[in-house]
Amino acid sequence: MGSSTALSMTDAVARISDAPLTPRGGINSNQAKAHAVAQSFEATFLNSMFQFMFTDTDGEGPMSGGGATGIWRSFLTQEYSKSIAKAGGIGLANHVYASLMAHQEVKAQ
């Protein structure tokens, strides 16, 4: 991908991730709750993936290889996952949100 592309990757992800999460009539409390749950689910999924990714990495420095490494790394992966999910994530929250809203519509009928 060159610098001459019309949209940057960040812009494209932002447009995709914002589309189903911001309904035209505004967000009511149920939609806000569904959005928060979907984002939390995506953060949990990402955290799990990051934990597996860092399993065999010992690192360097004062916390390398000791018991503190696992604890510190779990906090780090948790914050990474929250930040990434809040910034638009990988698109999983969109699907979870759409599914939650569809289930609410079916239940209301």
C-alpha atoms as a PDB file:
ATOM      1  CA  MET A   1       0.000   0.000   0.000  1.00  0.00           C
ATOM      2  CA  GLY A   2       1.450   3.282  -1.041  1.00  0.00           C
ATOM      3  CA  SER A   3       0.947   6.759   0.278  1.00  0.00           C
ATOM      4  CA  SER A   4      -1.332   7.574  -2.663  1.00  0.00           C
ATOM      5  CA  THR A   5      -4.269   5.512  -1.379  1.00  0.00           C
ATOM      6  CA  ALA A   6      -7.502   7.448  -0.932  1.00  0.00           C
ATOM      7  CA  LEU A   7      -8.063   6.335   2.649  1.00  0.00           C
ATOM      8  CA  SER A   8      -5.513   5.458   5.254  1.00  0.00           C
ATOM      9  CA  MET A   9      -5.960   2.172   7.076  1.00  0.00           C
ATOM     10  CA  THR A  10      -6.979   4.066  10.231  1.00  0.00           C
ATOM     11  CA  ASP A  11      -9.647   6.035   8.340  1.00  0.00           C
ATOM     12  CA  ALA A  12     -11.007   2.888   6.720  1.00  0.00           C
ATOM     13  CA  VAL A  13     -11.227   1.040  10.042  1.00  0.00           C
ATOM     14  CA  ALA A  14     -12.862   4.072  11.667  1.00  0.00           C
ATOM     15  CA  ARG A  15     -15.503   4.282   8.949  1.00  0.00           C
ATOM     16  CA  ILE A  16     -16.266   0.580   9.093  1.00  0.00           C
ATOM     17  CA  SER A  17     -16.354   0.407  12.871  1.00  0.00           C
ATOM     18  CA  ASP A  18     -18.484   3.543  13.243  1.00  0.00           C
ATOM     19  CA  ALA A  19     -21.137   2.573  10.707  1.00  0.00           C
ATOM     20  CA  PRO A  20     -23.351   0.156  12.655  1.00  0.00           C
ATOM     21  CA  LEU A  21     -22.576   1.642  16.059  1.00  0.00           C
ATOM     22  CA  THR A  22     -23.968   5.117  15.438  1.00  0.00           C
ATOM     23  CA  PRO A  23     -27.601   4.898  14.362  1.00  0.00           C
ATOM     24  CA  ARG A  24     -29.053   7.950  12.622  1.00  0.00           C
ATOM     25  CA  GLY A  25     -31.629   8.719  15.259  1.00  0.00           C
ATOM     26  CA  GLY A  26     -29.077   8.907  18.048  1.00  0.00           C
ATOM     27  CA  ILE A  27     -28.239   6.283  20.607  1.00  0.00           C
ATOM     28  CA  ASN A  28     -30.753   5.284  23.264  1.00  0.00           C
ATOM     29  CA  SER A  29     -29.764   3.641  26.540  1.00  0.00           C
ATOM     30  CA  ASN A  30     -30.229   0.077  25.224  1.00  0.00           C
ATOM     31  CA  GLN A  31     -28.034   0.813  22.238  1.00  0.00           C
ATOM     32  CA  ALA A  32     -25.387   2.390  24.468  1.00  0.00           C
ATOM     33  CA  LYS A  33     -25.423  -0.664  26.740  1.00  0.00           C
ATOM     34  CA  ALA A  34     -25.204  -3.013  23.757  1.00  0.00           C
ATOM     35  CA  HIS A  35     -22.295  -0.990  22.374  1.00  0.00           C
ATOM     36  CA  ALA A  36     -20.467  -1.152  25.725  1.00  0.00           C
ATOM     37  CA  VAL A  37     -21.042  -4.913  26.006  1.00  0.00           C
ATOM     38  CA  ALA A  38     -19.867  -5.496  22.422  1.00  0.00           C
ATOM     39  CA  GLN A  39     -16.747  -3.420  23.005  1.00  0.00           C
ATOM     40  CA  SER A  40     -16.055  -5.239  26.272  1.00  0.00           C
ATOM     41  CA  PHE A  41     -16.463  -8.605  24.536  1.00  0.00           C
ATOM     42  CA  GLU A  42     -13.991  -7.576  21.848  1.00  0.00           C
ATOM     43  CA  ALA A  43     -11.519  -6.388  24.500  1.00  0.00           C
ATOM     44  CA  THR A  44     -11.823  -9.742  26.284  1.00  0.00           C
ATOM     45  CA  PHE A  45     -11.217 -11.607  23.031  1.00  0.00           C
ATOM     46  CA  LEU A  46      -8.192  -9.445  22.195  1.00  0.00           C
ATOM     47  CA  ASN A  47      -6.818  -9.891  25.702  1.00  0.00           C
ATOM     48  CA  SER A  48      -7.000 -13.661  25.310  1.00  0.00           C
ATOM     49  CA  MET A  49      -5.215 -13.452  21.972  1.00  0.00           C
ATOM     50  CA  PHE A  50      -2.496 -11.169  23.368  1.00  0.00           C
ATOM     51  CA  GLN A  51      -1.904 -13.476  26.329  1.00  0.00           C
ATOM     52  CA  PHE A  52      -1.265 -16.396  23.977  1.00  0.00           C
ATOM     53  CA  MET A  53       0.918 -14.200  21.812  1.00  0.00           C
ATOM     54  CA  PHE A  54       3.184 -13.231  24.721  1.00  0.00           C
ATOM     55  CA  THR A  55       3.292 -16.672  26.396  1.00  0.00           C
ATOM     56  CA  ASP A  56       6.795 -17.669  25.268  1.00  0.00           C
ATOM     57  CA  THR A  57       8.316 -14.194  25.425  1.00  0.00           C
ATOM     58  CA  ASP A  58      10.597 -13.700  28.412  1.00  0.00           C
ATOM     59  CA  GLY A  59      11.801 -10.193  27.613  1.00  0.00           C
ATOM     60  CA  GLU A  60      14.768  -8.387  29.055  1.00  0.00           C
ATOM     61  CA  GLY A  61      15.369  -6.219  32.069  1.00  0.00           C
ATOM     62  CA  PRO A  62      14.564  -6.439  35.762  1.00  0.00           C
ATOM     63  CA  MET A  63      11.275  -8.293  35.307  1.00  0.00           C
ATOM     64  CA  SER A  64      12.470 -10.856  32.785  1.00  0.00           C
ATOM     65  CA  GLY A  65      11.667 -14.445  33.568  1.00  0.00           C
ATOM     66  CA  GLY A  66      10.441 -13.920  37.137  1.00  0.00           C
ATOM     67  CA  GLY A  67       7.031 -14.223  38.704  1.00  0.00           C
ATOM     68  CA  ALA A  68       6.398 -10.523  38.254  1.00  0.00           C
ATOM     69  CA  THR A  69       6.631 -10.889  34.490  1.00  0.00           C
ATOM     70  CA  GLY A  70       3.388 -12.841  34.243  1.00  0.00           C
ATOM     71  CA  ILE A  71       1.489 -10.417  36.436  1.00  0.00           C
ATOM     72  CA  TRP A  72       2.843  -7.339  34.704  1.00  0.00           C
ATOM     73  CA  ARG A  73       2.244  -8.855  31.283  1.00  0.00           C
ATOM     74  CA  SER A  74      -1.392  -9.664  32.134  1.00  0.00           C
ATOM     75  CA  PHE A  75      -1.985  -6.022  33.079  1.00  0.00           C
ATOM     76  CA  LEU A  76      -0.234  -4.882  29.914  1.00  0.00           C
ATOM     77  CA  THR A  77      -2.258  -7.141  27.625  1.00  0.00           C
ATOM     78  CA  GLN A  78      -5.468  -6.091  29.340  1.00  0.00           C
ATOM     79  CA  GLU A  79      -4.714  -2.405  28.740  1.00  0.00           C
ATOM     80  CA  TYR A  80      -3.644  -3.088  25.147  1.00  0.00           C
ATOM     81  CA  SER A  81      -6.896  -4.889  24.473  1.00  0.00           C
ATOM     82  CA  LYS A  82      -9.045  -2.158  26.046  1.00  0.00           C
ATOM     83  CA  SER A  83      -7.239   0.546  24.075  1.00  0.00           C
ATOM     84  CA  ILE A  84      -7.513  -1.298  20.782  1.00  0.00           C
ATOM     85  CA  ALA A  85     -11.201  -2.138  21.292  1.00  0.00           C
ATOM     86  CA  LYS A  86     -11.970   1.468  22.238  1.00  0.00           C
ATOM     87  CA  ALA A  87     -10.141   2.748  19.151  1.00  0.00           C
ATOM     88  CA  GLY A  88     -12.261   0.631  16.809  1.00  0.00           C
ATOM     89  CA  GLY A  89     -10.743  -2.778  17.345  1.00  0.00           C
ATOM     90  CA  ILE A  90     -10.733  -5.475  14.715  1.00  0.00           C
ATOM     91  CA  GLY A  91     -14.412  -5.267  13.842  1.00  0.00           C
ATOM     92  CA  LEU A  92     -15.650  -7.958  16.197  1.00  0.00           C
ATOM     93  CA  ALA A  93     -17.609  -5.479  18.318  1.00  0.00           C
ATOM     94  CA  ASN A  94     -19.607  -4.425  15.250  1.00  0.00           C
ATOM     95  CA  HIS A  95     -20.850  -7.959  14.687  1.00  0.00           C
ATOM     96  CA  VAL A  96     -21.603  -8.531  18.361  1.00  0.00           C
ATOM     97  CA  TYR A  97     -23.475  -5.202  18.522  1.00  0.00           C
ATOM     98  CA  ALA A  98     -25.493  -6.021  15.393  1.00  0.00           C
ATOM     99  CA  SER A  99     -26.365  -9.428  16.823  1.00  0.00           C
ATOM    100  CA  LEU A 100     -27.415  -7.949  20.165  1.00  0.00           C
ATOM    101  CA  MET A 101     -29.606  -5.372  18.463  1.00  0.00           C
ATOM    102  CA  ALA A 102     -31.165  -8.026  16.207  1.00  0.00           C
ATOM    103  CA  HIS A 103     -31.987 -10.183  19.226  1.00  0.00           C
ATOM    104  CA  GLN A 104     -33.561  -7.192  20.969  1.00  0.00           C
ATOM    105  CA  GLU A 105     -35.712  -6.476  17.916  1.00  0.00           C
ATOM    106  CA  VAL A 106     -36.897 -10.084  17.718  1.00  0.00           C
ATOM    107  CA  LYS A 107     -37.621 -10.118  21.441  1.00  0.00           C
ATOM    108  CA  ALA A 108     -39.605  -6.872  21.176  1.00  0.00           C
ATOM    109  CA  GLN A 109     -41.832  -8.316  18.440  1.00  0.00           C
END
